[in-house]
N, C-alpha and C. Protein backbone atom coordinates (compact mmCIF):
# COMPACT_ATOMS: atom_id res chain seq x y z
N MET A 1 0.84 -1.19 0.00
CA MET A 1 0.00 0.00 0.00
C MET A 1 0.89 1.25 0.00
N ASN A 2 0.50 2.21 -0.81
CA ASN A 2 1.22 3.47 -0.91
C ASN A 2 0.32 4.62 -0.48
N LEU A 3 0.93 5.78 -0.22
CA LEU A 3 0.14 6.95 0.18
C LEU A 3 -0.86 7.34 -0.90
N ILE A 4 -0.52 7.10 -2.14
CA ILE A 4 -1.42 7.49 -3.24
C ILE A 4 -2.69 6.63 -3.25
N ASP A 5 -2.62 5.47 -2.61
CA ASP A 5 -3.78 4.57 -2.57
C ASP A 5 -4.79 4.97 -1.49
N LEU A 6 -4.39 5.81 -0.52
CA LEU A 6 -5.29 6.20 0.57
C LEU A 6 -6.33 7.20 0.08
N LYS A 7 -7.59 6.90 0.30
CA LYS A 7 -8.68 7.78 -0.09
C LYS A 7 -9.73 7.78 1.01
N PRO A 8 -10.45 8.89 1.18
CA PRO A 8 -11.52 8.88 2.18
C PRO A 8 -12.64 7.94 1.76
N LYS A 9 -13.43 7.50 2.74
CA LYS A 9 -14.51 6.57 2.47
C LYS A 9 -15.52 7.20 1.51
N GLU A 10 -16.12 6.40 0.68
CA GLU A 10 -17.08 6.87 -0.33
C GLU A 10 -18.23 7.60 0.34
N GLY A 11 -18.50 8.83 -0.07
CA GLY A 11 -19.60 9.62 0.46
C GLY A 11 -19.26 10.44 1.70
N SER A 12 -18.01 10.34 2.19
CA SER A 12 -17.67 11.07 3.41
C SER A 12 -17.21 12.49 3.14
N THR A 13 -16.86 12.82 1.92
CA THR A 13 -16.43 14.18 1.59
C THR A 13 -17.26 14.72 0.44
N ARG A 14 -17.31 16.04 0.34
CA ARG A 14 -18.03 16.70 -0.74
C ARG A 14 -17.12 17.73 -1.39
N ASP A 15 -17.44 18.07 -2.61
CA ASP A 15 -16.74 19.16 -3.26
C ASP A 15 -17.24 20.47 -2.69
N THR A 16 -16.39 21.50 -2.66
CA THR A 16 -16.82 22.79 -2.15
C THR A 16 -17.80 23.44 -3.13
N LYS A 17 -18.75 24.19 -2.59
CA LYS A 17 -19.73 24.87 -3.43
C LYS A 17 -19.05 26.05 -4.12
N ARG A 18 -19.05 26.06 -5.44
CA ARG A 18 -18.42 27.14 -6.19
C ARG A 18 -19.53 28.08 -6.65
N VAL A 19 -19.58 29.26 -6.06
CA VAL A 19 -20.64 30.21 -6.37
C VAL A 19 -20.13 31.29 -7.31
N GLY A 20 -21.07 31.93 -7.99
CA GLY A 20 -20.73 33.02 -8.88
C GLY A 20 -20.02 32.58 -10.13
N ARG A 21 -20.36 31.39 -10.67
CA ARG A 21 -19.69 30.91 -11.87
C ARG A 21 -20.68 30.73 -13.02
N GLY A 22 -21.65 31.62 -13.12
CA GLY A 22 -22.57 31.61 -14.25
C GLY A 22 -23.89 30.94 -13.92
N ARG A 23 -24.89 31.28 -14.76
CA ARG A 23 -26.24 30.77 -14.52
C ARG A 23 -26.34 29.27 -14.66
N GLY A 24 -25.59 28.69 -15.53
CA GLY A 24 -25.68 27.25 -15.75
C GLY A 24 -25.28 26.43 -14.53
N SER A 25 -24.51 26.99 -13.63
CA SER A 25 -24.06 26.25 -12.45
C SER A 25 -25.15 26.14 -11.40
N GLY A 26 -26.17 26.99 -11.50
CA GLY A 26 -27.21 27.01 -10.47
C GLY A 26 -26.86 27.92 -9.31
N HIS A 27 -25.62 28.44 -9.28
CA HIS A 27 -25.19 29.33 -8.20
C HIS A 27 -24.64 30.61 -8.79
N GLY A 28 -25.22 31.07 -9.87
CA GLY A 28 -24.73 32.28 -10.51
C GLY A 28 -25.49 33.50 -10.03
N LYS A 29 -25.32 34.61 -10.70
CA LYS A 29 -25.96 35.89 -10.44
C LYS A 29 -25.85 36.32 -8.99
N THR A 30 -26.80 35.95 -8.12
CA THR A 30 -26.75 36.44 -6.75
C THR A 30 -25.92 35.53 -5.85
N SER A 31 -25.37 34.47 -6.36
CA SER A 31 -24.49 33.58 -5.60
C SER A 31 -25.13 33.04 -4.33
N THR A 32 -26.37 32.60 -4.43
CA THR A 32 -27.16 31.99 -3.34
C THR A 32 -27.47 32.94 -2.19
N ARG A 33 -27.28 34.26 -2.40
CA ARG A 33 -27.52 35.20 -1.31
C ARG A 33 -28.90 35.86 -1.38
N GLY A 34 -29.68 35.63 -2.37
CA GLY A 34 -30.97 36.28 -2.49
C GLY A 34 -30.85 37.66 -3.09
N HIS A 35 -32.00 38.35 -3.23
CA HIS A 35 -32.01 39.67 -3.87
C HIS A 35 -32.04 40.77 -2.83
N ASN A 36 -31.09 41.70 -2.90
CA ASN A 36 -31.05 42.89 -2.05
C ASN A 36 -31.33 42.59 -0.58
N GLY A 37 -30.82 43.40 0.28
CA GLY A 37 -31.10 43.25 1.69
C GLY A 37 -29.84 43.02 2.49
N GLN A 38 -30.05 42.94 3.77
CA GLN A 38 -28.94 42.92 4.71
C GLN A 38 -28.02 41.72 4.51
N GLY A 39 -28.57 40.55 4.27
CA GLY A 39 -27.76 39.36 4.16
C GLY A 39 -26.98 39.26 2.86
N GLN A 40 -27.37 40.07 1.86
CA GLN A 40 -26.71 39.98 0.57
C GLN A 40 -25.41 40.78 0.53
N ARG A 41 -25.34 41.84 1.33
CA ARG A 41 -24.18 42.73 1.27
C ARG A 41 -22.96 42.07 1.92
N ALA A 42 -21.81 42.39 1.42
CA ALA A 42 -20.59 41.79 1.93
C ALA A 42 -20.13 42.48 3.21
N GLY A 43 -19.58 41.71 4.11
CA GLY A 43 -18.93 42.28 5.29
C GLY A 43 -19.84 42.61 6.43
N GLN A 44 -21.16 42.55 6.25
CA GLN A 44 -22.06 42.90 7.34
C GLN A 44 -22.68 41.63 7.91
N THR A 45 -22.57 41.46 9.20
CA THR A 45 -23.18 40.31 9.86
C THR A 45 -24.08 40.78 10.98
N LYS A 46 -25.08 40.00 11.27
CA LYS A 46 -26.01 40.33 12.36
C LYS A 46 -25.45 39.77 13.66
N ARG A 47 -25.54 40.55 14.72
CA ARG A 47 -25.03 40.08 16.00
C ARG A 47 -25.93 38.99 16.56
N PHE A 48 -25.41 38.25 17.51
CA PHE A 48 -26.16 37.16 18.13
C PHE A 48 -27.41 37.71 18.81
N GLY A 49 -28.55 37.11 18.56
CA GLY A 49 -29.80 37.53 19.17
C GLY A 49 -30.52 38.63 18.42
N PHE A 50 -29.95 39.12 17.31
CA PHE A 50 -30.58 40.20 16.56
C PHE A 50 -31.80 39.67 15.83
N GLU A 51 -32.93 40.39 15.94
CA GLU A 51 -34.18 39.94 15.34
C GLU A 51 -34.72 40.96 14.35
N GLY A 52 -33.86 41.60 13.60
CA GLY A 52 -34.28 42.51 12.55
C GLY A 52 -34.83 43.83 13.07
N GLY A 53 -34.46 44.24 14.24
CA GLY A 53 -34.93 45.50 14.80
C GLY A 53 -36.03 45.30 15.83
N GLN A 54 -36.69 44.16 15.80
CA GLN A 54 -37.68 43.82 16.84
C GLN A 54 -36.95 43.67 18.17
N THR A 55 -37.61 44.05 19.27
CA THR A 55 -36.98 43.90 20.58
C THR A 55 -36.64 42.43 20.79
N PRO A 56 -35.37 42.12 20.98
CA PRO A 56 -34.98 40.72 21.06
C PRO A 56 -35.49 40.02 22.31
N LEU A 57 -35.49 38.71 22.25
CA LEU A 57 -36.05 37.90 23.31
C LEU A 57 -35.41 38.18 24.66
N PHE A 58 -34.10 38.36 24.69
CA PHE A 58 -33.43 38.56 25.98
C PHE A 58 -33.81 39.88 26.62
N ARG A 59 -34.35 40.81 25.84
CA ARG A 59 -34.83 42.07 26.43
C ARG A 59 -36.32 42.05 26.69
N ARG A 60 -37.05 41.15 26.05
CA ARG A 60 -38.48 41.04 26.28
C ARG A 60 -38.80 40.31 27.58
N LEU A 61 -37.93 39.38 27.97
CA LEU A 61 -38.20 38.60 29.18
C LEU A 61 -37.97 39.46 30.41
N PRO A 62 -38.77 39.23 31.45
CA PRO A 62 -38.57 40.02 32.67
C PRO A 62 -37.27 39.65 33.36
N LYS A 63 -36.71 40.60 34.03
CA LYS A 63 -35.48 40.35 34.75
C LYS A 63 -35.81 39.57 36.03
N ILE A 64 -34.93 38.65 36.39
CA ILE A 64 -35.16 37.86 37.60
C ILE A 64 -34.30 38.45 38.71
N HIS A 65 -34.95 38.99 39.74
CA HIS A 65 -34.24 39.59 40.86
C HIS A 65 -34.35 38.69 42.08
N ASN A 66 -33.39 38.80 42.96
CA ASN A 66 -33.39 38.09 44.24
C ASN A 66 -33.57 36.59 44.06
N PHE A 67 -32.90 36.03 43.07
CA PHE A 67 -32.99 34.59 42.85
C PHE A 67 -32.04 33.89 43.81
N ASP A 68 -32.59 33.02 44.66
CA ASP A 68 -31.76 32.28 45.62
C ASP A 68 -31.08 31.12 44.91
N GLN A 69 -29.79 31.01 45.10
CA GLN A 69 -29.06 29.89 44.53
C GLN A 69 -29.50 28.60 45.22
N VAL A 70 -29.56 27.53 44.45
CA VAL A 70 -29.91 26.24 45.02
C VAL A 70 -28.71 25.74 45.79
N LYS A 71 -28.90 25.47 47.07
CA LYS A 71 -27.79 25.01 47.89
C LYS A 71 -27.72 23.50 47.80
N ARG A 72 -26.57 23.01 47.42
CA ARG A 72 -26.39 21.57 47.28
C ARG A 72 -25.67 21.03 48.52
N ARG A 73 -25.99 19.80 48.85
CA ARG A 73 -25.33 19.15 49.98
C ARG A 73 -24.11 18.40 49.49
N ASN A 74 -23.00 18.57 50.16
CA ASN A 74 -21.80 17.81 49.86
C ASN A 74 -21.79 16.59 50.77
N TRP A 75 -22.16 15.45 50.20
CA TRP A 75 -22.28 14.22 50.98
C TRP A 75 -20.90 13.66 51.30
N VAL A 76 -20.74 13.20 52.53
CA VAL A 76 -19.56 12.46 52.95
C VAL A 76 -19.97 10.99 52.95
N ALA A 77 -19.41 10.22 52.02
CA ALA A 77 -19.77 8.81 51.88
C ALA A 77 -18.72 7.94 52.57
N ILE A 78 -19.19 7.06 53.45
CA ILE A 78 -18.30 6.13 54.14
C ILE A 78 -18.84 4.72 53.93
N ASN A 79 -17.96 3.82 53.51
CA ASN A 79 -18.36 2.43 53.31
C ASN A 79 -18.34 1.68 54.62
N VAL A 80 -19.17 0.65 54.69
CA VAL A 80 -19.29 -0.16 55.90
C VAL A 80 -17.95 -0.84 56.22
N GLY A 81 -17.18 -1.19 55.21
CA GLY A 81 -15.89 -1.84 55.43
C GLY A 81 -14.91 -0.98 56.20
N ALA A 82 -15.05 0.35 56.13
CA ALA A 82 -14.14 1.24 56.85
C ALA A 82 -14.45 1.32 58.34
N LEU A 83 -15.58 0.76 58.77
CA LEU A 83 -15.99 0.84 60.17
C LEU A 83 -15.48 -0.34 60.99
N ASN A 84 -14.77 -1.29 60.37
CA ASN A 84 -14.30 -2.48 61.08
C ASN A 84 -13.28 -2.19 62.16
N ASN A 85 -12.51 -1.12 62.03
CA ASN A 85 -11.46 -0.84 63.02
C ASN A 85 -11.98 -0.10 64.25
N LEU A 86 -13.29 0.16 64.32
CA LEU A 86 -13.88 0.80 65.50
C LEU A 86 -14.13 -0.25 66.58
N PRO A 87 -14.05 0.12 67.87
CA PRO A 87 -14.35 -0.83 68.94
C PRO A 87 -15.83 -1.24 68.91
N ALA A 88 -16.13 -2.41 69.46
CA ALA A 88 -17.50 -2.92 69.48
C ALA A 88 -18.41 -2.00 70.29
N ASN A 89 -19.67 -1.92 69.89
CA ASN A 89 -20.72 -1.12 70.54
C ASN A 89 -20.41 0.37 70.56
N THR A 90 -19.61 0.82 69.63
CA THR A 90 -19.32 2.25 69.50
C THR A 90 -20.51 2.95 68.86
N GLU A 91 -20.76 4.16 69.32
CA GLU A 91 -21.83 4.95 68.72
C GLU A 91 -21.19 5.93 67.73
N LEU A 92 -21.51 5.75 66.45
CA LEU A 92 -20.92 6.59 65.39
C LEU A 92 -21.96 7.59 64.91
N ASN A 93 -21.61 8.86 64.93
CA ASN A 93 -22.52 9.89 64.41
C ASN A 93 -21.71 10.92 63.63
N PRO A 94 -22.37 11.84 62.93
CA PRO A 94 -21.64 12.80 62.10
C PRO A 94 -20.68 13.71 62.88
N GLU A 95 -20.91 13.89 64.19
CA GLU A 95 -20.05 14.78 64.97
C GLU A 95 -18.72 14.13 65.35
N ASN A 96 -18.70 12.79 65.54
CA ASN A 96 -17.46 12.19 66.00
C ASN A 96 -16.70 11.43 64.90
N LEU A 97 -16.94 11.80 63.65
CA LEU A 97 -16.21 11.19 62.53
C LEU A 97 -14.72 11.48 62.64
N ALA A 98 -14.36 12.71 62.94
CA ALA A 98 -12.95 13.11 63.01
C ALA A 98 -12.26 12.43 64.18
N GLU A 99 -13.00 12.18 65.25
CA GLU A 99 -12.43 11.53 66.43
C GLU A 99 -11.94 10.12 66.10
N PHE A 100 -12.69 9.43 65.22
CA PHE A 100 -12.31 8.07 64.82
C PHE A 100 -11.45 8.05 63.56
N GLY A 101 -11.14 9.20 62.99
CA GLY A 101 -10.27 9.27 61.82
C GLY A 101 -10.94 8.88 60.52
N LEU A 102 -12.27 8.95 60.48
CA LEU A 102 -12.98 8.59 59.25
C LEU A 102 -13.17 9.77 58.32
N HIS A 103 -13.14 10.97 58.88
CA HIS A 103 -13.26 12.19 58.09
C HIS A 103 -12.53 13.29 58.84
N ASN A 104 -12.19 14.38 58.16
CA ASN A 104 -11.40 15.41 58.81
C ASN A 104 -12.22 16.39 59.65
N SER A 105 -13.55 16.36 59.53
CA SER A 105 -14.37 17.27 60.33
C SER A 105 -15.79 16.72 60.45
N ALA A 106 -16.58 17.34 61.32
CA ALA A 106 -17.98 16.97 61.45
C ALA A 106 -18.73 17.38 60.19
N THR A 107 -19.83 16.71 59.92
CA THR A 107 -20.57 17.00 58.69
C THR A 107 -22.06 16.94 58.96
N ASN A 108 -22.83 17.60 58.10
CA ASN A 108 -24.28 17.52 58.23
C ASN A 108 -24.88 16.70 57.09
N SER A 109 -24.04 15.93 56.41
CA SER A 109 -24.50 15.11 55.28
C SER A 109 -23.69 13.82 55.24
N LEU A 110 -23.99 12.90 56.14
CA LEU A 110 -23.26 11.63 56.22
C LEU A 110 -24.07 10.54 55.54
N ARG A 111 -23.41 9.83 54.66
CA ARG A 111 -24.05 8.75 53.91
C ARG A 111 -23.24 7.47 54.14
N ILE A 112 -23.91 6.41 54.57
CA ILE A 112 -23.26 5.13 54.81
C ILE A 112 -23.61 4.20 53.66
N LEU A 113 -22.58 3.67 53.00
CA LEU A 113 -22.76 2.79 51.86
C LEU A 113 -22.33 1.37 52.21
N GLY A 114 -22.79 0.40 51.44
CA GLY A 114 -22.64 -1.01 51.80
C GLY A 114 -21.45 -1.72 51.21
N ASN A 115 -20.38 -1.05 50.82
CA ASN A 115 -19.22 -1.72 50.24
C ASN A 115 -18.33 -2.26 51.35
N GLY A 116 -17.97 -3.53 51.29
CA GLY A 116 -17.12 -4.15 52.31
C GLY A 116 -17.95 -4.98 53.28
N ASP A 117 -17.26 -5.62 54.22
CA ASP A 117 -17.93 -6.46 55.23
C ASP A 117 -17.75 -5.82 56.59
N LEU A 118 -18.79 -5.94 57.42
CA LEU A 118 -18.75 -5.41 58.78
C LEU A 118 -18.77 -6.57 59.75
N LYS A 119 -17.79 -6.60 60.67
CA LYS A 119 -17.67 -7.69 61.63
C LYS A 119 -17.88 -7.21 63.06
N VAL A 120 -18.16 -5.92 63.25
CA VAL A 120 -18.29 -5.32 64.58
C VAL A 120 -19.69 -4.75 64.75
N ALA A 121 -20.30 -4.98 65.89
CA ALA A 121 -21.62 -4.42 66.17
C ALA A 121 -21.47 -2.94 66.54
N LEU A 122 -22.15 -2.07 65.80
CA LEU A 122 -22.05 -0.63 66.01
C LEU A 122 -23.43 0.00 66.05
N LYS A 123 -23.52 1.15 66.69
CA LYS A 123 -24.73 1.97 66.63
C LYS A 123 -24.39 3.16 65.74
N VAL A 124 -25.01 3.19 64.55
CA VAL A 124 -24.64 4.19 63.55
C VAL A 124 -25.79 5.16 63.35
N HIS A 125 -25.49 6.45 63.45
CA HIS A 125 -26.46 7.52 63.19
C HIS A 125 -25.96 8.28 61.97
N ALA A 126 -26.77 8.36 60.93
CA ALA A 126 -26.36 9.06 59.70
C ALA A 126 -27.60 9.62 59.02
N HIS A 127 -27.37 10.46 58.01
CA HIS A 127 -28.47 11.10 57.29
C HIS A 127 -29.03 10.21 56.19
N HIS A 128 -28.22 9.24 55.72
CA HIS A 128 -28.69 8.34 54.66
C HIS A 128 -27.96 7.02 54.74
N PHE A 129 -28.69 5.94 54.50
CA PHE A 129 -28.11 4.60 54.47
C PHE A 129 -28.54 3.92 53.18
N SER A 130 -27.61 3.19 52.54
CA SER A 130 -28.02 2.36 51.42
C SER A 130 -28.61 1.08 52.00
N GLN A 131 -29.41 0.38 51.19
CA GLN A 131 -30.05 -0.84 51.68
C GLN A 131 -29.01 -1.90 52.04
N GLY A 132 -27.92 -1.97 51.25
CA GLY A 132 -26.86 -2.92 51.55
C GLY A 132 -26.19 -2.63 52.88
N ALA A 133 -26.01 -1.35 53.21
CA ALA A 133 -25.38 -0.96 54.48
C ALA A 133 -26.29 -1.33 55.64
N ILE A 134 -27.60 -1.12 55.49
CA ILE A 134 -28.54 -1.47 56.55
C ILE A 134 -28.48 -2.97 56.83
N ASP A 135 -28.46 -3.78 55.78
CA ASP A 135 -28.42 -5.23 55.95
C ASP A 135 -27.15 -5.67 56.67
N LYS A 136 -26.01 -5.10 56.29
CA LYS A 136 -24.73 -5.51 56.88
C LYS A 136 -24.60 -5.06 58.33
N ILE A 137 -25.14 -3.88 58.66
CA ILE A 137 -25.10 -3.40 60.04
C ILE A 137 -25.95 -4.31 60.93
N GLN A 138 -27.12 -4.68 60.45
CA GLN A 138 -28.01 -5.54 61.24
C GLN A 138 -27.46 -6.96 61.36
N GLN A 139 -26.82 -7.48 60.31
CA GLN A 139 -26.23 -8.82 60.37
C GLN A 139 -25.09 -8.88 61.39
N ALA A 140 -24.37 -7.77 61.55
CA ALA A 140 -23.27 -7.73 62.51
C ALA A 140 -23.77 -7.54 63.94
N GLY A 141 -25.07 -7.35 64.10
CA GLY A 141 -25.63 -7.17 65.44
C GLY A 141 -25.72 -5.73 65.87
N GLY A 142 -25.55 -4.81 64.97
CA GLY A 142 -25.61 -3.39 65.30
C GLY A 142 -26.97 -2.80 65.00
N SER A 143 -27.08 -1.49 65.15
CA SER A 143 -28.33 -0.79 64.87
C SER A 143 -28.02 0.49 64.10
N TYR A 144 -29.03 1.01 63.43
CA TYR A 144 -28.86 2.23 62.65
C TYR A 144 -30.01 3.18 62.94
N GLU A 145 -29.73 4.46 62.76
CA GLU A 145 -30.78 5.47 62.95
C GLU A 145 -30.58 6.56 61.90
N VAL A 146 -31.65 6.90 61.21
CA VAL A 146 -31.59 7.95 60.19
C VAL A 146 -31.83 9.29 60.86
N ILE A 147 -30.92 10.22 60.63
CA ILE A 147 -31.06 11.58 61.17
C ILE A 147 -31.76 12.43 60.13
N HIS A 148 -32.86 13.03 60.51
CA HIS A 148 -33.59 13.92 59.60
C HIS A 148 -33.19 15.35 59.91
N PRO A 149 -32.67 16.08 58.93
CA PRO A 149 -32.25 17.46 59.19
C PRO A 149 -33.45 18.35 59.47
N GLU A 150 -33.21 19.36 60.30
CA GLU A 150 -34.27 20.31 60.61
C GLU A 150 -34.51 21.20 59.40
N PRO A 151 -35.78 21.44 59.05
CA PRO A 151 -36.05 22.30 57.90
C PRO A 151 -35.58 23.72 58.18
N GLN A 152 -35.00 24.34 57.17
CA GLN A 152 -34.52 25.71 57.32
C GLN A 152 -35.66 26.69 57.09
N LYS A 153 -35.68 27.73 57.91
CA LYS A 153 -36.71 28.76 57.74
C LYS A 153 -36.28 29.70 56.63
N ARG A 154 -37.19 29.95 55.70
CA ARG A 154 -36.87 30.82 54.58
C ARG A 154 -37.78 32.05 54.64
N GLY A 155 -37.56 32.88 55.61
CA GLY A 155 -38.38 34.08 55.78
C GLY A 155 -37.85 35.23 54.96
N ARG A 156 -38.72 36.16 54.67
CA ARG A 156 -38.31 37.35 53.93
C ARG A 156 -37.93 38.44 54.91
N ILE A 157 -36.99 39.25 54.53
CA ILE A 157 -36.60 40.37 55.36
C ILE A 157 -37.60 41.49 55.12
N PRO A 158 -38.24 41.98 56.18
CA PRO A 158 -39.23 43.04 55.98
C PRO A 158 -38.59 44.32 55.46
N VAL A 159 -39.29 44.94 54.51
CA VAL A 159 -38.81 46.20 53.92
C VAL A 159 -39.49 47.35 54.64
N GLY A 160 -38.76 48.37 54.98
CA GLY A 160 -39.36 49.56 55.60
C GLY A 160 -39.33 49.49 57.11
N GLY A 161 -38.74 48.47 57.71
CA GLY A 161 -38.57 48.39 59.16
C GLY A 161 -39.87 48.21 59.92
N ARG A 162 -40.74 47.35 59.43
CA ARG A 162 -42.01 47.13 60.12
C ARG A 162 -41.82 46.37 61.41
């Protein structure tokens, strides 16, 4: 095989459109640009969102003020297999994670997952448990408790000092 034998796959390439080469080509006279008007002239382009002088959509829509960002929870995921080095009957909760070296600080979003085997009976308090983690904690003779976070109050600040 030589370089001259290499060709693109059949139908994968097209010839470039040659405009302005006479009426017989089908792309003569106006060169596919239409008759008169903004799009026919050379060098002039319409900016993004331009609607021919009509008030564009981004200016017709109302402005959104005081939009609260959606606060996402950063979950701390701990597998059941990582809990084996804890002493038996230990009570594990989100506040004492750092004490046992499982995380660097307390968290308000603790998730216990079921990867690994648990051989120690523990009392685990967390915000979320996978079904596999629940099964393994109970098989080891431990217990689990789901912590439900307190709902946050979303009050408005009164205007005018009422």
